[in-house]
């Protein structure tokens, strides 16, 4: 249970740090780029075998790693914008309700059982995302207030589905698992670096030194948010079909609480209904 609780707290900490970027004047893309190089470097400490670049290039999972790198930085940027412009709770629900996408993929690809509860949970999840994003108090434009969480929902679901596929079909050892994670983080960092260079050299944006510290503060929990969840799965405390929904329930609830307590975010009645629906949806998927 220690690993599960640690994974939940790291996921919540991610959203809190992202929200704090805006408070401390840290440019989002700068902090995110540093974050991914930090997360990738942290992952390397957990690689047990000797690192051979040629073997990485020829590995079964390298293509999936490249795709994940692009999705990682794209969706992470959208999450940061949503957390800063709308609220932590909206970003959290949109991110964690995406569990329905890998569940659907599991039905199609891996022959997982289809039940009335799971189908009901998936439908309720769609409604929950709508209610959570339909806030009377959000400060973003109406179109972006709806589009950002929807893109996060879809993108995060695809990320989870790819990771699940890689773990089942492409990764063959614990050391490969760490290398795959590290390579995906580094790929996200490289893609982000090109975007950052464009902003610095072409758009003449100034580099803010505290972005380095902010990125490190984000990158360490970013890695451990994945590491602890994987360790919880390995510990066999509960099945993955139960563990992920349980973790997501607490991440959604604690993220909403953190937004209210730390940043004085105000949840509308519609937001609260959406959060309640999201918890109910995850419970149904878990049954």
Protein backbone atom coordinates (compact mmCIF):
# COMPACT_ATOMS: atom_id res chain seq x y z
CA UNK A 1 0.00 0.00 0.00
CA UNK A 2 3.00 2.30 0.52
CA UNK A 3 3.80 2.25 -3.22
CA UNK A 4 0.18 2.96 -4.15
CA UNK A 5 -0.10 5.87 -1.71
CA UNK A 6 3.25 7.28 -2.89
CA UNK A 7 2.18 7.05 -6.54
CA UNK A 8 -1.06 8.88 -5.78
CA UNK A 9 0.74 11.67 -3.90
CA UNK A 10 3.32 12.10 -6.69
CA UNK A 11 0.53 12.46 -9.26
CA UNK A 12 -1.17 15.12 -7.14
CA UNK A 13 2.17 16.87 -6.55
CA UNK A 14 2.66 17.11 -10.32
CA UNK A 15 -0.50 19.17 -10.71
CA UNK A 16 0.36 21.36 -7.72
CA UNK A 17 3.83 22.15 -9.12
CA UNK A 18 2.40 22.87 -12.57
CA UNK A 19 -0.15 25.24 -11.04
CA UNK A 20 2.66 26.94 -9.10
CA UNK A 21 4.51 27.68 -12.35
CA UNK A 22 2.04 30.45 -13.06
CA UNK A 23 2.28 31.81 -9.52
CA UNK A 24 6.09 32.03 -9.65
CA UNK A 25 6.35 33.32 -13.21
CA UNK A 26 7.95 30.19 -14.67
CA UNK A 27 7.35 29.88 -18.44
CA UNK A 28 5.46 26.63 -18.94
CA UNK A 29 7.42 25.21 -21.89
CA UNK A 30 10.78 26.01 -20.26
CA UNK A 31 9.88 24.20 -17.06
CA UNK A 32 8.40 21.24 -18.93
CA UNK A 33 11.52 20.72 -21.07
CA UNK A 34 13.79 20.70 -18.00
CA UNK A 35 11.26 18.39 -16.32
CA UNK A 36 11.57 15.71 -19.00
CA UNK A 37 15.36 15.67 -19.01
CA UNK A 38 15.21 15.44 -15.20
CA UNK A 39 12.69 12.57 -15.31
CA UNK A 40 14.71 10.73 -17.97
CA UNK A 41 17.93 11.06 -15.97
CA UNK A 42 16.19 9.90 -12.78
CA UNK A 43 14.93 6.81 -14.62
CA UNK A 44 18.48 5.87 -15.63
CA UNK A 45 19.36 5.21 -11.97
CA UNK A 46 16.95 2.27 -12.09
CA UNK A 47 18.51 0.61 -15.16
CA UNK A 48 20.32 -2.48 -13.91
CA UNK A 49 22.05 -3.59 -17.13
CA UNK A 50 24.76 -1.83 -19.10
CA UNK A 51 23.31 0.80 -21.44
CA UNK A 52 24.17 0.09 -25.10
CA UNK A 53 22.84 2.70 -27.53
CA UNK A 54 22.80 0.29 -30.49
CA UNK A 55 20.58 -2.14 -28.58
CA UNK A 56 18.19 0.68 -27.68
CA UNK A 57 17.89 1.73 -31.33
CA UNK A 58 17.22 -1.88 -32.37
CA UNK A 59 14.81 -2.62 -29.51
CA UNK A 60 11.19 -3.62 -30.09
CA UNK A 61 9.90 -0.66 -28.08
CA UNK A 62 11.88 2.25 -29.60
CA UNK A 63 9.10 3.29 -32.02
CA UNK A 64 6.57 3.32 -29.20
CA UNK A 65 9.02 5.40 -27.17
CA UNK A 66 9.24 8.02 -29.93
CA UNK A 67 5.45 8.28 -30.19
CA UNK A 68 5.14 8.51 -26.41
CA UNK A 69 7.75 11.28 -26.30
CA UNK A 70 5.66 13.41 -28.64
CA UNK A 71 2.45 12.66 -26.73
CA UNK A 72 4.08 13.18 -23.32
CA UNK A 73 5.16 16.76 -23.93
CA UNK A 74 2.05 17.69 -25.93
CA UNK A 75 -0.43 16.46 -23.33
CA UNK A 76 1.67 17.67 -20.41
CA UNK A 77 1.65 21.15 -21.89
CA UNK A 78 -2.14 21.03 -22.27
CA UNK A 79 -2.49 19.82 -18.67
CA UNK A 80 -0.34 22.71 -17.45
CA UNK A 81 -2.37 25.27 -19.41
CA UNK A 82 -5.62 23.77 -18.14
CA UNK A 83 -4.43 23.74 -14.51
CA UNK A 84 -3.26 27.34 -14.73
CA UNK A 85 -6.13 28.84 -16.74
CA UNK A 86 -9.07 26.77 -15.50
CA UNK A 87 -8.35 24.64 -12.41
CA UNK A 88 -6.39 21.70 -11.03
CA UNK A 89 -9.58 19.67 -10.63
CA UNK A 90 -10.53 20.05 -14.31
CA UNK A 91 -7.02 19.05 -15.43
CA UNK A 92 -7.04 16.07 -13.06
CA UNK A 93 -10.45 14.75 -14.11
CA UNK A 94 -9.69 15.12 -17.83
CA UNK A 95 -6.38 13.31 -17.32
CA UNK A 96 -7.53 10.50 -15.06
CA UNK A 97 -10.90 9.80 -16.65
CA UNK A 98 -8.97 8.82 -19.77
CA UNK A 99 -8.67 5.39 -18.13
CA UNK A 100 -11.76 4.49 -20.18
CA UNK A 101 -9.70 4.53 -23.41
CA UNK A 102 -7.19 1.80 -22.42
CA UNK A 103 -10.15 -0.12 -20.96
CA UNK A 104 -11.85 -0.02 -24.37
CA UNK A 105 -8.54 -0.98 -26.01
CA UNK A 106 -8.29 -3.94 -23.63
CA UNK A 107 -11.74 -5.10 -24.77
CA UNK A 108 -10.65 -5.04 -28.40
CA UNK A 109 -6.99 -6.12 -28.24
CA UNK A 110 -6.71 -8.37 -25.20
CA UNK A 111 -10.17 -9.90 -24.88
CA UNK A 112 -10.93 -8.42 -21.46
CA UNK A 113 -14.43 -9.13 -20.19
CA UNK A 114 -17.17 -6.67 -21.12
CA UNK A 115 -19.74 -6.07 -18.38
CA UNK A 116 -22.73 -3.81 -17.91
CA UNK A 117 -20.86 -2.04 -15.10
CA UNK A 118 -17.85 -1.26 -17.30
CA UNK A 119 -20.00 0.03 -20.16
CA UNK A 120 -22.01 2.14 -17.70
CA UNK A 121 -18.77 3.49 -16.23
CA UNK A 122 -17.45 4.47 -19.66
CA UNK A 123 -20.66 6.32 -20.54
CA UNK A 124 -20.74 8.04 -17.15
CA UNK A 125 -17.10 9.05 -17.61
CA UNK A 126 -17.98 10.93 -20.78
CA UNK A 127 -20.71 12.80 -18.93
CA UNK A 128 -18.35 13.50 -16.01
CA UNK A 129 -15.76 15.14 -18.26
CA UNK A 130 -18.45 17.41 -19.73
CA UNK A 131 -19.80 18.48 -16.33
CA UNK A 132 -16.34 19.04 -14.87
CA UNK A 133 -15.30 21.29 -17.75
CA UNK A 134 -18.58 23.25 -17.78
CA UNK A 135 -17.66 25.73 -15.07
CA UNK A 136 -19.40 29.06 -14.53
CA UNK A 137 -16.24 30.45 -12.95
CA UNK A 138 -13.48 29.45 -15.38
CA UNK A 139 -11.48 32.31 -16.78
CA UNK A 140 -10.66 30.82 -20.14
CA UNK A 141 -12.75 31.32 -23.26
CA UNK A 142 -15.70 28.97 -23.68
CA UNK A 143 -14.17 27.08 -26.60
CA UNK A 144 -10.78 26.55 -24.97
CA UNK A 145 -12.41 25.70 -21.64
CA UNK A 146 -14.09 22.75 -23.34
CA UNK A 147 -11.47 21.81 -25.94
CA UNK A 148 -8.42 21.66 -23.64
CA UNK A 149 -9.83 18.99 -21.26
CA UNK A 150 -11.21 16.98 -24.18
CA UNK A 151 -7.80 16.90 -25.85
CA UNK A 152 -6.21 15.88 -22.53
CA UNK A 153 -8.83 13.14 -22.13
CA UNK A 154 -8.12 11.68 -25.57
CA UNK A 155 -4.34 12.12 -25.48
CA UNK A 156 -3.89 10.72 -21.96
CA UNK A 157 -6.00 7.71 -22.90
CA UNK A 158 -3.83 7.02 -25.93
CA UNK A 159 -0.69 7.31 -23.77
CA UNK A 160 -2.07 4.78 -21.27
CA UNK A 161 -3.05 2.41 -24.08
CA UNK A 162 0.43 2.59 -25.67
CA UNK A 163 2.17 2.02 -22.32
CA UNK A 164 -0.09 -0.95 -21.63
CA UNK A 165 0.63 -2.40 -25.08
CA UNK A 166 4.38 -1.86 -24.68
CA UNK A 167 4.40 -3.60 -21.30
CA UNK A 168 2.46 -6.57 -22.65
CA UNK A 169 4.07 -6.97 -26.07
CA UNK A 170 7.38 -5.09 -26.39
CA UNK A 171 9.18 -4.95 -23.03
CA UNK A 172 10.84 -8.15 -21.82
CA UNK A 173 12.59 -7.25 -18.54
CA UNK A 174 12.58 -4.81 -15.62
CA UNK A 175 15.72 -3.15 -16.96
CA UNK A 176 14.07 -2.66 -20.37
CA UNK A 177 11.10 -1.15 -18.56
CA UNK A 178 13.34 1.51 -17.00
CA UNK A 179 15.12 2.13 -20.33
CA UNK A 180 11.79 2.47 -22.14
CA UNK A 181 10.59 4.99 -19.57
CA UNK A 182 13.85 6.95 -19.69
CA UNK A 183 13.96 6.98 -23.50
CA UNK A 184 10.37 8.21 -23.68
CA UNK A 185 11.13 11.03 -21.25
CA UNK A 186 14.29 12.01 -23.13
CA UNK A 187 12.42 11.96 -26.45
CA UNK A 188 9.83 14.31 -24.96
CA UNK A 189 12.67 16.54 -23.75
CA UNK A 190 14.36 16.63 -27.18
CA UNK A 191 11.10 17.51 -28.94
CA UNK A 192 10.46 20.20 -26.34
CA UNK A 193 14.00 21.51 -26.74
CA UNK A 194 13.41 22.23 -30.43
CA UNK A 195 10.24 24.14 -29.51
CA UNK A 196 12.13 26.02 -26.82
CA UNK A 197 14.98 26.95 -29.19
CA UNK A 198 12.41 28.30 -31.63
CA UNK A 199 10.90 30.48 -28.89
CA UNK A 200 14.31 31.69 -27.70
CA UNK A 201 15.99 32.28 -31.07
CA UNK A 202 13.11 33.22 -33.35
CA UNK A 203 10.52 34.66 -31.00
CA UNK A 204 13.22 36.21 -28.79
CA UNK A 205 11.67 34.86 -25.61
CA UNK A 206 13.95 35.23 -22.58
CA UNK A 207 15.09 32.15 -20.70
CA UNK A 208 14.10 32.34 -17.04
CA UNK A 209 16.74 30.79 -14.78
CA UNK A 210 14.23 29.61 -12.18
CA UNK A 211 12.73 27.37 -14.89
CA UNK A 212 15.59 24.99 -14.13
CA UNK A 213 14.61 24.64 -10.48
CA UNK A 214 10.93 24.45 -11.41
CA UNK A 215 11.63 21.74 -13.99
CA UNK A 216 13.62 19.68 -11.49
CA UNK A 217 10.82 20.00 -8.92
CA UNK A 218 8.43 18.75 -11.60
CA UNK A 219 10.63 16.07 -13.16
CA UNK A 220 11.39 14.05 -10.03
CA UNK A 221 7.75 13.44 -9.03
CA UNK A 222 6.93 12.96 -12.73
CA UNK A 223 9.17 9.90 -12.84
CA UNK A 224 8.11 8.56 -9.45
CA UNK A 225 4.42 8.98 -10.28
CA UNK A 226 4.96 6.18 -12.82
CA UNK A 227 7.59 4.24 -10.85
CA UNK A 228 5.52 3.85 -7.67
CA UNK A 229 2.39 2.79 -9.56
CA UNK A 230 4.41 0.11 -11.40
CA UNK A 231 5.90 -1.05 -8.08
CA UNK A 232 2.39 -1.26 -6.62
CA UNK A 233 1.35 -3.44 -9.55
CA UNK A 234 4.38 -5.70 -9.05
CA UNK A 235 3.62 -6.00 -5.32
CA UNK A 236 0.31 -7.67 -6.19
CA UNK A 237 -1.73 -5.68 -3.69
CA UNK A 238 -4.61 -5.74 -6.17
CA UNK A 239 -5.23 -6.44 -9.84
CA UNK A 240 -4.37 -3.71 -12.35
CA UNK A 241 -8.06 -3.39 -13.30
CA UNK A 242 -8.68 -2.44 -9.67
CA UNK A 243 -5.49 -0.57 -8.85
CA UNK A 244 -5.70 2.04 -11.63
CA UNK A 245 -9.31 3.05 -10.87
CA UNK A 246 -8.61 3.22 -7.12
CA UNK A 247 -5.53 5.37 -7.72
CA UNK A 248 -7.43 7.64 -10.10
CA UNK A 249 -10.28 8.15 -7.64
CA UNK A 250 -7.92 9.45 -4.97
CA UNK A 251 -5.92 11.53 -7.47
CA UNK A 252 -9.11 13.26 -8.66
CA UNK A 253 -10.35 13.92 -5.12
CA UNK A 254 -7.00 15.03 -3.65
CA UNK A 255 -6.27 17.24 -6.66
CA UNK A 256 -9.61 19.00 -6.25
CA UNK A 257 -8.90 19.43 -2.52
CA UNK A 258 -5.40 20.77 -3.23
CA UNK A 259 -6.81 23.31 -5.67
CA UNK A 260 -9.29 24.59 -3.12
CA UNK A 261 -6.89 24.65 -0.15
CA UNK A 262 -3.64 25.80 -1.79
CA UNK A 263 -4.89 28.01 -4.61
CA UNK A 264 -8.38 28.97 -3.40
CA UNK A 265 -10.01 27.57 -6.51
CA UNK A 266 -13.79 27.75 -6.47
CA UNK A 267 -15.73 24.73 -7.62
CA UNK A 268 -19.13 25.42 -9.16
CA UNK A 269 -22.04 23.08 -8.51
CA UNK A 270 -21.53 21.75 -12.01
CA UNK A 271 -17.86 21.01 -11.24
CA UNK A 272 -18.78 19.16 -8.07
CA UNK A 273 -21.36 17.06 -9.94
CA UNK A 274 -18.72 16.23 -12.54
CA UNK A 275 -16.20 15.14 -9.88
CA UNK A 276 -18.83 12.96 -8.16
CA UNK A 277 -19.73 11.42 -11.52
CA UNK A 278 -16.04 10.77 -12.25
CA UNK A 279 -15.60 8.87 -8.97
CA UNK A 280 -18.76 6.84 -9.66
CA UNK A 281 -17.57 6.09 -13.19
CA UNK A 282 -14.20 4.77 -12.02
CA UNK A 283 -15.92 2.63 -9.36
CA UNK A 284 -18.18 1.11 -12.04
CA UNK A 285 -15.21 0.37 -14.31
CA UNK A 286 -13.45 -1.27 -11.34
CA UNK A 287 -16.30 -3.69 -10.57
